Amino acid sequence: MKELVVGADGFIGSKLQQELNCEGTSRKNPLYHQNHYLDLSNFQESDLPRADVVYLCFGVNGSLTCAQNPQESFRINVDSTIKLAKHYSKSSFVVWIGSTTVEWSTDHYARQKLTTETVLRTLPNVSIVRAGRVTKENLDDLIYTLKGLGRNKIPGVKLWGEDEKPYVK
């Protein structure tokens, strides 16, 4: 089974790629990086490597980052995710990392995650991990969950991690 991690240069994606020992995509300069170069703001379906299971681990992360540039983050977090999931779900199994913020927040990040989740739930061959806050301490558990869902091709929504609450200053 050929697996692919889209976003293999991020916190979660790099650990998942290492655990799976598989190919990945990166937005870093392809001349200096071993992963497939993929610019998520501007790609064609012909740019995409083939895989049996695809883990979507990329995105503009966090409420503050998305609020600073909501249009750019929407294009990556919503448009690019949906385009990739629609492409891959035709012939592959897709695992996407959502967020528990869809359950309680109304900020840009939560709205983007909710919009994406709403579309991905209508696609075949998709597993959504509605994740709570990911830290260095719980990353291995998330990787175990992602790997299990992908390798066993379990569709639907899986709640993972502690229920998140808004940050309190």
Protein backbone atom coordinates (compact mmCIF):
# COMPACT_ATOMS: atom_id res chain seq x y z
CA MET A 1 0.00 0.00 0.00
CA LYS A 2 1.44 3.36 -1.03
CA GLU A 3 0.92 6.16 1.49
CA LEU A 4 1.45 9.91 1.06
CA VAL A 5 1.60 12.72 3.62
CA VAL A 6 0.60 16.10 2.19
CA GLY A 7 2.28 18.68 4.39
CA ALA A 8 5.24 16.55 5.42
CA ASP A 9 7.26 19.56 6.56
CA GLY A 10 4.86 20.50 9.37
CA PHE A 11 4.73 19.49 13.03
CA ILE A 12 2.24 16.64 12.55
CA GLY A 13 3.08 15.75 8.95
CA SER A 14 6.81 15.31 9.52
CA LYS A 15 6.22 12.96 12.45
CA LEU A 16 3.58 11.00 10.52
CA GLN A 17 5.82 10.66 7.47
CA GLN A 18 8.65 9.41 9.67
CA GLU A 19 6.36 6.86 11.36
CA LEU A 20 4.89 5.63 8.06
CA ASN A 21 8.21 5.75 6.22
CA CYS A 22 6.41 7.04 3.13
CA GLU A 23 6.50 9.80 0.55
CA GLY A 24 5.43 13.33 1.36
CA THR A 25 4.87 16.72 -0.14
CA SER A 26 6.53 19.95 0.88
CA ARG A 27 6.32 23.60 -0.07
CA LYS A 28 10.06 23.94 0.51
CA ASN A 29 12.46 24.34 -2.39
CA PRO A 30 12.49 20.99 -4.23
CA LEU A 31 16.21 21.25 -4.94
CA TYR A 32 17.00 21.04 -1.23
CA HIS A 33 14.28 18.71 0.02
CA GLN A 34 13.53 15.02 -0.58
CA ASN A 35 9.73 15.41 -0.69
CA HIS A 36 7.58 16.18 -3.72
CA TYR A 37 7.26 19.94 -4.13
CA LEU A 38 3.64 21.07 -3.91
CA ASP A 39 2.51 24.68 -3.73
CA LEU A 40 -0.94 24.35 -2.17
CA SER A 41 -1.97 27.83 -3.30
CA ASN A 42 -1.32 27.01 -6.95
CA PHE A 43 -1.31 23.40 -8.14
CA GLN A 44 -2.76 21.23 -10.85
CA GLU A 45 -4.08 17.74 -10.28
CA SER A 46 -1.34 16.49 -12.61
CA ASP A 47 1.19 17.71 -9.98
CA LEU A 48 -0.10 15.21 -7.43
CA PRO A 49 1.72 11.94 -6.69
CA ARG A 50 -0.38 8.78 -6.73
CA ALA A 51 -1.14 6.99 -3.46
CA ASP A 52 -3.55 4.49 -1.94
CA VAL A 53 -3.88 6.41 1.33
CA VAL A 54 -3.37 10.17 1.56
CA TYR A 55 -3.00 12.01 4.86
CA LEU A 56 -3.85 15.73 4.59
CA CYS A 57 -1.69 17.35 7.28
CA PHE A 58 -1.24 20.85 5.91
CA GLY A 59 -2.90 24.17 6.54
CA VAL A 60 -2.73 27.63 7.95
CA ASN A 61 -3.03 26.80 11.61
CA GLY A 62 -4.57 28.73 14.45
CA SER A 63 -7.10 31.45 15.04
CA LEU A 64 -4.62 34.34 15.14
CA THR A 65 -2.83 33.33 11.95
CA CYS A 66 -6.09 32.89 10.04
CA ALA A 67 -7.43 36.22 11.30
CA GLN A 68 -4.31 38.03 10.05
CA ASN A 69 -4.93 36.91 6.47
CA PRO A 70 -8.37 35.32 6.19
CA GLN A 71 -8.45 35.21 2.39
CA GLU A 72 -5.12 33.43 2.00
CA SER A 73 -5.85 31.02 4.83
CA PHE A 74 -9.31 30.27 3.36
CA ARG A 75 -7.76 29.40 0.00
CA ILE A 76 -5.38 26.93 1.64
CA ASN A 77 -7.57 25.57 4.45
CA VAL A 78 -10.78 25.29 2.46
CA ASP A 79 -10.26 25.49 -1.30
CA SER A 80 -7.02 23.48 -1.52
CA THR A 81 -8.13 20.88 1.01
CA ILE A 82 -11.41 20.28 -0.81
CA LYS A 83 -9.69 20.14 -4.20
CA LEU A 84 -7.18 17.56 -2.92
CA ALA A 85 -9.81 15.49 -1.12
CA LYS A 86 -12.09 15.42 -4.17
CA HIS A 87 -9.19 14.35 -6.37
CA TYR A 88 -7.85 11.65 -4.09
CA SER A 89 -11.15 10.26 -2.75
CA LYS A 90 -12.03 9.01 -6.25
CA SER A 91 -9.35 6.32 -6.13
CA SER A 92 -7.64 6.58 -2.73
CA PHE A 93 -8.53 6.79 0.94
CA VAL A 94 -8.13 10.24 2.52
CA VAL A 95 -7.47 11.09 6.17
CA TRP A 96 -7.90 14.77 7.09
CA ILE A 97 -7.17 16.50 10.37
CA GLY A 98 -10.05 18.73 11.38
CA SER A 99 -10.51 20.55 14.66
CA THR A 100 -12.77 20.47 17.70
CA THR A 101 -13.05 24.23 17.33
CA VAL A 102 -15.90 23.54 14.88
CA GLU A 103 -17.96 22.62 17.94
CA TRP A 104 -17.58 25.85 19.90
CA SER A 105 -15.84 28.67 18.06
CA THR A 106 -16.92 31.11 15.37
CA ASP A 107 -13.54 32.62 14.45
CA HIS A 108 -11.94 32.41 10.98
CA TYR A 109 -10.06 29.18 11.72
CA ALA A 110 -13.11 27.37 13.08
CA ARG A 111 -15.33 28.54 10.21
CA GLN A 112 -12.73 27.35 7.70
CA LYS A 113 -12.45 23.94 9.38
CA LEU A 114 -16.25 23.64 9.56
CA THR A 115 -16.71 24.57 5.91
CA THR A 116 -14.12 22.01 4.86
CA GLU A 117 -15.51 19.30 7.13
CA THR A 118 -19.01 19.88 5.78
CA VAL A 119 -17.84 19.19 2.22
CA LEU A 120 -15.51 16.32 3.09
CA ARG A 121 -18.31 14.51 4.94
CA THR A 122 -20.13 14.18 1.60
CA LEU A 123 -17.18 12.49 -0.15
CA PRO A 124 -16.54 8.75 -0.28
CA ASN A 125 -13.36 7.26 1.21
CA VAL A 126 -12.70 10.05 3.71
CA SER A 127 -11.87 9.90 7.40
CA ILE A 128 -12.00 13.11 9.44
CA VAL A 129 -10.12 13.36 12.70
CA ARG A 130 -11.70 16.15 14.72
CA ALA A 131 -8.64 16.87 16.82
CA GLY A 132 -8.25 18.79 20.04
CA ARG A 133 -5.08 20.71 20.79
CA VAL A 134 -1.98 18.84 19.56
CA THR A 135 1.14 19.07 21.70
CA LYS A 136 4.52 17.38 21.78
CA GLU A 137 3.20 15.21 24.61
CA ASN A 138 0.17 13.83 22.73
CA LEU A 139 1.53 13.80 19.17
CA ASP A 140 2.37 10.09 19.20
CA ASP A 141 -1.22 9.24 20.13
CA LEU A 142 -2.56 11.35 17.24
CA ILE A 143 -0.13 9.67 14.83
CA TYR A 144 -1.32 6.25 16.05
CA THR A 145 -4.94 7.32 15.41
CA LEU A 146 -4.22 8.71 11.93
CA LYS A 147 -2.24 5.63 10.94
CA GLY A 148 -4.98 3.27 12.16
CA LEU A 149 -7.74 5.10 10.32
CA GLY A 150 -5.75 5.29 7.09
CA ARG A 151 -4.41 1.75 7.01
CA ASN A 152 -7.79 0.28 7.98
CA LYS A 153 -9.66 2.72 5.70
CA ILE A 154 -12.21 3.70 8.32
CA PRO A 155 -14.47 6.51 7.03
CA GLY A 156 -16.44 9.04 9.06
CA VAL A 157 -15.65 11.48 11.85
CA LYS A 158 -13.42 10.48 14.77
CA LEU A 159 -13.14 12.72 17.81
CA TRP A 160 -9.57 12.78 19.13
CA GLY A 161 -7.98 14.47 22.10
CA GLU A 162 -9.40 16.52 24.89
CA ASP A 163 -12.30 18.83 24.27
CA GLU A 164 -10.77 22.18 23.60
CA LYS A 165 -11.88 25.34 25.28
CA PRO A 166 -11.05 28.88 24.20
CA TYR A 167 -7.72 30.13 25.45
CA VAL A 168 -8.07 32.07 28.67
CA LYS A 169 -5.52 34.81 29.30
